[in-house]
Protein backbone atom coordinates (compact mmCIF):
# COMPACT_ATOMS: atom_id res chain seq x y z
CA MET A 1 -8.59 -16.98 20.38
CA THR A 2 -10.69 -15.19 17.77
CA GLU A 3 -12.59 -13.10 20.32
CA ARG A 4 -9.45 -12.25 22.25
CA ALA A 5 -7.56 -11.25 19.09
CA LEU A 6 -10.39 -8.96 18.01
CA ALA A 7 -10.99 -7.48 21.49
CA PRO A 8 -9.68 -4.01 22.39
CA VAL A 9 -6.09 -3.67 23.56
CA ARG A 10 -5.37 -1.77 26.74
CA ARG A 11 -4.90 1.85 25.73
CA PRO A 12 -1.37 3.21 26.24
CA ASP A 13 -0.68 6.25 28.38
CA THR A 14 -1.84 9.30 26.40
CA ASP A 15 -2.12 13.03 26.95
CA ASP A 16 -5.89 13.30 26.75
CA THR A 17 -5.77 17.10 27.13
CA ARG A 18 -4.63 17.25 23.49
CA THR A 19 -7.49 15.12 22.15
CA ARG A 20 -10.77 16.41 20.84
CA THR A 21 -13.64 14.63 19.09
CA THR A 22 -16.14 15.63 16.44
CA THR A 23 -18.61 13.74 14.29
CA ILE A 24 -18.66 12.72 10.62
CA THR A 25 -21.29 11.15 8.35
CA GLY A 26 -23.97 11.18 10.97
CA ASP A 27 -23.04 9.59 14.27
CA ARG A 28 -19.44 8.47 13.62
CA THR A 29 -16.86 9.81 16.03
CA LEU A 30 -13.62 11.32 14.74
CA ALA A 31 -10.80 12.00 17.22
CA TYR A 32 -7.84 14.30 16.67
CA ALA A 33 -5.00 15.74 18.74
CA GLU A 34 -3.35 19.15 18.57
CA TYR A 35 0.40 19.72 18.77
CA GLY A 36 2.69 22.70 18.30
CA ALA A 37 1.60 26.32 18.52
CA SER A 38 -2.08 26.77 19.35
CA ASP A 39 -2.19 30.02 17.35
CA GLY A 40 0.08 28.84 14.54
CA VAL A 41 -0.34 28.06 10.86
CA PRO A 42 -2.73 25.06 10.65
CA VAL A 43 -1.39 21.82 9.18
CA VAL A 44 -3.15 18.44 9.22
CA PHE A 45 -0.93 15.42 9.93
CA LEU A 46 -2.09 11.98 8.73
CA HIS A 47 -0.50 8.97 10.40
CA GLY A 48 0.68 5.74 8.78
CA THR A 49 -1.11 2.41 8.41
CA PRO A 50 -1.53 1.29 11.12
CA GLY A 51 -1.20 4.37 13.29
CA SER A 52 -2.92 7.03 15.34
CA ARG A 53 -2.96 10.69 16.28
CA LEU A 54 -0.17 10.00 18.81
CA LEU A 55 2.46 9.92 16.06
CA GLY A 56 1.93 13.65 15.67
CA SER A 57 3.72 14.17 18.98
CA LEU A 58 7.03 13.57 17.15
CA PHE A 59 6.38 16.95 15.46
CA HIS A 60 5.37 18.86 18.61
CA ASP A 61 8.61 20.65 19.49
CA GLU A 62 9.47 21.50 15.90
CA ALA A 63 5.91 22.68 15.27
CA GLN A 64 6.15 25.02 18.23
CA ARG A 65 9.45 26.41 16.91
CA ALA A 66 8.05 26.84 13.42
CA GLY A 67 4.77 28.36 14.57
CA VAL A 68 2.65 25.50 13.26
CA ARG A 69 -0.62 24.26 14.73
CA LEU A 70 -0.58 20.55 13.96
CA LEU A 71 -3.96 18.77 13.79
CA ALA A 72 -3.48 15.00 13.90
CA PRO A 73 -6.63 12.89 13.45
CA ASP A 74 -7.17 9.19 14.03
CA ARG A 75 -8.43 8.10 10.61
CA PRO A 76 -11.70 6.14 10.71
CA GLY A 77 -11.12 2.68 12.21
CA PHE A 78 -8.03 3.69 14.22
CA GLY A 79 -7.61 4.87 17.80
CA ARG A 80 -10.69 6.65 19.06
CA SER A 81 -12.32 7.23 15.67
CA SER A 82 -15.29 5.10 14.63
CA THR A 83 -15.01 2.58 11.84
CA TRP A 84 -16.14 3.42 8.33
CA PRO A 85 -16.05 0.12 6.40
CA THR A 86 -17.19 1.53 3.07
CA ARG A 87 -14.93 4.57 2.85
CA THR A 88 -12.61 5.11 -0.10
CA LEU A 89 -9.76 7.56 -0.67
CA SER A 90 -12.30 9.95 -2.17
CA ASP A 91 -13.93 10.19 1.27
CA THR A 92 -10.75 11.58 2.85
CA GLY A 93 -11.79 15.15 2.25
CA SER A 94 -14.96 14.69 4.33
CA PHE A 95 -13.16 13.71 7.53
CA VAL A 96 -10.24 16.09 7.02
CA GLY A 97 -12.79 18.83 6.42
CA ALA A 98 -14.56 17.87 9.63
CA VAL A 99 -11.31 18.34 11.56
CA LEU A 100 -10.77 21.76 9.98
CA ASP A 101 -14.36 22.78 10.79
CA ASP A 102 -14.12 21.66 14.41
CA ALA A 103 -10.80 23.43 14.85
CA GLY A 104 -12.20 26.62 13.36
CA VAL A 105 -9.80 26.53 10.39
CA SER A 106 -10.69 27.61 6.86
CA THR A 107 -7.50 26.53 5.03
CA ALA A 108 -4.49 24.38 5.94
CA GLY A 109 -1.57 22.38 4.70
CA VAL A 110 -1.58 18.59 4.90
CA VAL A 111 1.23 16.14 5.68
CA GLY A 112 0.89 12.39 5.25
CA PHE A 113 3.34 9.77 6.43
CA SER A 114 3.53 6.28 4.90
CA GLY A 115 -0.07 5.04 4.52
CA GLY A 116 -1.19 8.57 5.27
CA GLY A 117 0.49 9.77 2.06
CA PRO A 118 -2.27 8.66 -0.36
CA HIS A 119 -4.82 10.18 2.05
CA ALA A 120 -2.93 13.50 2.09
CA LEU A 121 -3.01 13.56 -1.73
CA ALA A 122 -6.69 12.60 -1.73
CA ALA A 123 -7.51 15.34 0.73
CA ALA A 124 -5.74 17.92 -1.41
CA SER A 125 -7.54 16.64 -4.50
CA THR A 126 -11.02 16.64 -2.96
CA LEU A 127 -10.60 19.81 -0.82
CA GLU A 128 -8.80 21.97 -3.35
CA ASP A 129 -10.20 25.20 -1.89
CA ARG A 130 -9.07 24.35 1.65
CA ILE A 131 -5.80 22.42 1.32
CA LEU A 132 -3.10 24.83 0.09
CA GLU A 133 0.01 22.63 0.18
CA THR A 134 0.76 18.92 0.50
CA ASP A 135 3.73 16.97 1.87
CA VAL A 136 4.07 13.21 1.50
CA ILE A 137 6.68 11.50 3.67
CA ALA A 138 7.61 7.94 2.62
CA GLY A 139 4.19 7.35 1.09
CA PRO A 140 3.32 4.58 -1.37
CA ALA A 141 2.58 5.30 -5.01
CA PRO A 142 -0.60 4.08 -6.74
CA PRO A 143 -0.42 0.36 -7.70
CA ALA A 144 -0.06 1.21 -11.41
CA LEU A 145 3.21 3.02 -10.70
CA ARG A 146 4.84 0.42 -8.43
CA THR A 147 7.44 -1.89 -9.95
CA GLU A 148 8.88 -3.32 -6.76
CA VAL A 149 6.72 -4.19 -3.78
CA PRO A 150 8.39 -5.77 -0.70
CA LEU A 151 7.20 -9.27 0.22
CA VAL A 152 5.73 -8.11 3.54
CA GLN A 153 3.64 -5.46 1.79
CA ARG A 154 2.45 -7.94 -0.88
CA THR A 155 1.43 -10.37 1.86
CA LEU A 156 -0.47 -7.73 3.85
CA SER A 157 -2.29 -6.53 0.74
CA ALA A 158 -3.24 -10.08 -0.24
CA LEU A 159 -4.55 -10.82 3.24
CA ALA A 160 -6.47 -7.54 3.29
CA ALA A 161 -8.10 -8.35 -0.03
CA HIS A 162 -8.95 -12.01 0.60
CA PHE A 163 -8.75 -12.67 4.36
CA PRO A 164 -9.41 -9.36 6.14
CA THR A 165 -10.63 -11.01 9.34
CA ALA A 166 -7.45 -13.09 9.57
CA LEU A 167 -5.35 -9.96 9.05
CA SER A 168 -7.32 -8.14 11.72
CA MET A 169 -6.65 -11.02 14.13
CA LEU A 170 -2.97 -10.90 13.27
CA PHE A 171 -2.85 -7.18 14.05
CA GLY A 172 -4.68 -7.88 17.32
CA VAL A 173 -2.00 -10.32 18.38
CA GLN A 174 0.75 -7.89 17.36
CA ALA A 175 -0.85 -5.07 19.34
CA ARG A 176 -1.06 -7.21 22.49
CA LEU A 177 2.58 -8.15 22.14
CA ALA A 178 3.57 -4.58 21.42
CA ALA A 179 1.87 -3.39 24.59
CA ARG A 180 4.05 -5.77 26.66
CA LEU A 181 7.36 -5.97 24.87
CA ASP A 182 10.23 -3.56 24.34
CA PRO A 183 9.50 -0.73 21.84
CA SER A 184 12.01 -2.33 19.44
CA PHE A 185 9.31 -4.93 18.63
CA VAL A 186 7.44 -2.19 16.72
CA VAL A 187 10.40 -0.05 15.64
CA ASP A 188 11.95 -3.06 13.85
CA GLN A 189 9.07 -2.95 11.39
CA TYR A 190 9.98 0.53 10.19
CA THR A 191 13.79 0.50 10.16
CA ALA A 192 16.57 -1.11 8.17
CA GLU A 193 18.24 -4.14 9.75
CA ASP A 194 21.15 -2.20 11.18
CA ALA A 195 19.30 0.96 12.21
CA THR A 196 16.95 0.06 15.07
CA ASP A 197 19.52 0.79 17.79
CA ALA A 198 20.03 4.29 16.38
CA VAL A 199 16.44 5.32 17.10
CA PRO A 200 16.26 7.50 20.24
CA ASP A 201 14.42 5.95 23.17
CA ASP A 202 11.78 8.68 23.31
CA VAL A 203 11.02 8.26 19.62
CA ALA A 204 10.82 4.47 19.98
CA THR A 205 8.34 4.87 22.84
CA VAL A 206 6.10 7.12 20.72
CA VAL A 207 6.21 4.63 17.83
CA GLN A 208 5.24 1.82 20.21
CA ARG A 209 2.36 3.78 21.75
CA ASP A 210 1.17 4.88 18.30
CA PHE A 211 0.94 1.25 17.17
CA VAL A 212 -0.89 0.10 20.29
CA GLU A 213 -3.30 3.05 20.23
CA ALA A 214 -4.15 2.26 16.60
CA PHE A 215 -5.86 -0.95 17.79
CA SER A 216 -7.15 0.24 21.15
CA GLU A 217 -10.81 0.14 20.06
CA HIS A 218 -10.93 -1.49 16.62
CA ARG A 219 -9.07 -4.08 14.52
CA ARG A 220 -10.35 -3.74 11.00
CA GLY A 221 -9.16 -0.22 10.12
CA ALA A 222 -5.69 -1.33 9.06
CA ALA A 223 -6.93 -4.27 6.98
CA HIS A 224 -9.39 -1.97 5.23
CA GLU A 225 -6.71 0.59 4.41
CA PHE A 226 -4.22 -1.92 3.03
CA HIS A 227 -6.90 -3.03 0.60
CA LEU A 228 -8.07 0.52 -0.09
CA VAL A 229 -4.58 1.82 -1.04
CA ASP A 230 -3.94 -1.28 -3.18
CA ARG A 231 -6.83 -0.38 -5.48
CA PRO A 232 -6.37 2.06 -8.42
CA TRP A 233 -6.19 5.71 -7.32
CA VAL A 234 -3.78 7.49 -9.64
CA GLU A 235 -6.64 9.23 -11.50
CA LEU A 236 -7.85 10.73 -8.23
CA VAL A 237 -4.63 12.70 -7.72
CA GLU A 238 -2.91 13.17 -11.07
CA THR A 239 -4.78 16.39 -11.85
CA LEU A 240 -3.92 17.92 -8.46
CA ASP A 241 -2.90 21.52 -9.15
CA GLY A 242 -1.52 22.59 -5.78
CA PRO A 243 2.15 22.18 -4.81
CA VAL A 244 3.18 18.72 -3.61
CA ARG A 245 6.47 17.89 -1.91
CA PHE A 246 7.62 14.29 -1.61
CA TRP A 247 10.21 13.22 0.98
CA HIS A 248 11.66 9.74 0.67
CA GLY A 249 14.57 7.67 1.97
CA VAL A 250 16.72 5.82 -0.55
CA ARG A 251 17.11 2.96 1.97
CA ASP A 252 13.39 2.66 2.60
CA THR A 253 12.62 -1.05 2.34
CA ASN A 254 8.98 -0.62 3.43
CA VAL A 255 8.10 1.68 0.55
CA PRO A 256 10.72 1.76 -2.22
CA VAL A 257 11.40 5.22 -3.66
CA ALA A 258 11.01 4.19 -7.32
CA GLY A 259 7.22 4.46 -7.30
CA THR A 260 7.38 7.88 -5.68
CA ARG A 261 9.65 9.08 -8.48
CA ARG A 262 7.08 8.03 -11.04
CA LEU A 263 4.20 9.59 -9.18
CA CYS A 264 6.13 12.83 -8.79
CA ASP A 265 6.62 12.93 -12.57
CA ARG A 266 2.87 12.56 -13.11
CA LEU A 267 1.84 15.57 -11.01
CA PRO A 268 1.89 19.10 -12.48
CA ASP A 269 3.52 20.84 -9.49
CA ALA A 270 5.56 18.33 -7.52
CA ARG A 271 9.15 17.80 -6.43
CA LEU A 272 10.98 15.03 -4.64
CA THR A 273 13.64 15.32 -1.93
CA THR A 274 15.55 12.13 -1.11
CA PHE A 275 17.62 11.19 1.94
CA GLU A 276 20.46 8.91 0.88
CA GLU A 277 20.95 7.00 4.14
CA ALA A 278 17.40 7.05 5.47
CA ASP A 279 15.03 4.12 5.93
CA HIS A 280 11.28 4.40 6.51
CA LEU A 281 11.31 5.77 10.07
CA GLN A 282 14.46 7.83 9.57
CA THR A 283 12.77 9.57 6.67
CA LEU A 284 9.98 10.69 8.99
CA LEU A 285 12.45 11.96 11.58
CA ARG A 286 14.72 13.73 9.15
CA SER A 287 11.91 15.39 7.19
CA ARG A 288 10.20 16.97 10.22
CA PHE A 289 12.25 20.15 10.15
CA PRO A 290 12.23 20.98 6.43
CA VAL A 291 8.54 20.04 6.11
CA LEU A 292 7.40 22.39 8.87
CA ASP A 293 9.77 25.14 7.79
CA HIS A 294 7.69 25.47 4.60
CA TYR A 295 4.72 26.54 6.75
CA SER A 296 6.53 28.81 9.19
């Protein structure tokens, strides 16, 4: 059971023509996909936890319309990117910078969804000369600014801190089930109780493939990130000078908006846009257009 749970999951159907690889910190592989306009304004998209570069495909059509070249990496330990067990949020700039270098890009914007939000802020903080603007979609605030943490998130963080192997096994089981069951098995984790049926089929399929791809080669990336983001990091980002835009759903039960309000107040150049009827996934879908319009 242990070996099977930690073994790779069959990779979902992917468009490999969009995927490129580069190296970081020696011999580690970093994979990323490109969406949108190949000659457009460069923007890095950082997926959630767990997640993969495939989630960036939800932005493809809008990125083409807006003239944005979207670069969506698998963070270390997800998808086709090598593990990096010792990395911290401060290391985000090194792998984001590697993507920019490989893509031939000097400066870019950065967008982070959910667990990618802290990484987007960390990239902007550690690559101040290369990241010009930052957007955080439904991202968690630093632990010091959270007053309400959903039970599921508390449980995952506790497992990540004290029983990371067990959490990795749990994710392995979930990934195997997700590869075989209806996409709603994954979508349910990101929507309010009454909202799953409202998610378009093509979106649900992307969310399912994104989850499965996250664990296609590794298991421990998600457990590492849950622990990483649960450690203090407010000091890393609170002096960030560049513009930061937060986008958050009022009905988001995965990441309550209260912490985001506090974080927004701590940053020198930040503003928050809320969606009254949006949950976690709906926030991602509804923010695609206004986010990319800022770069067009």
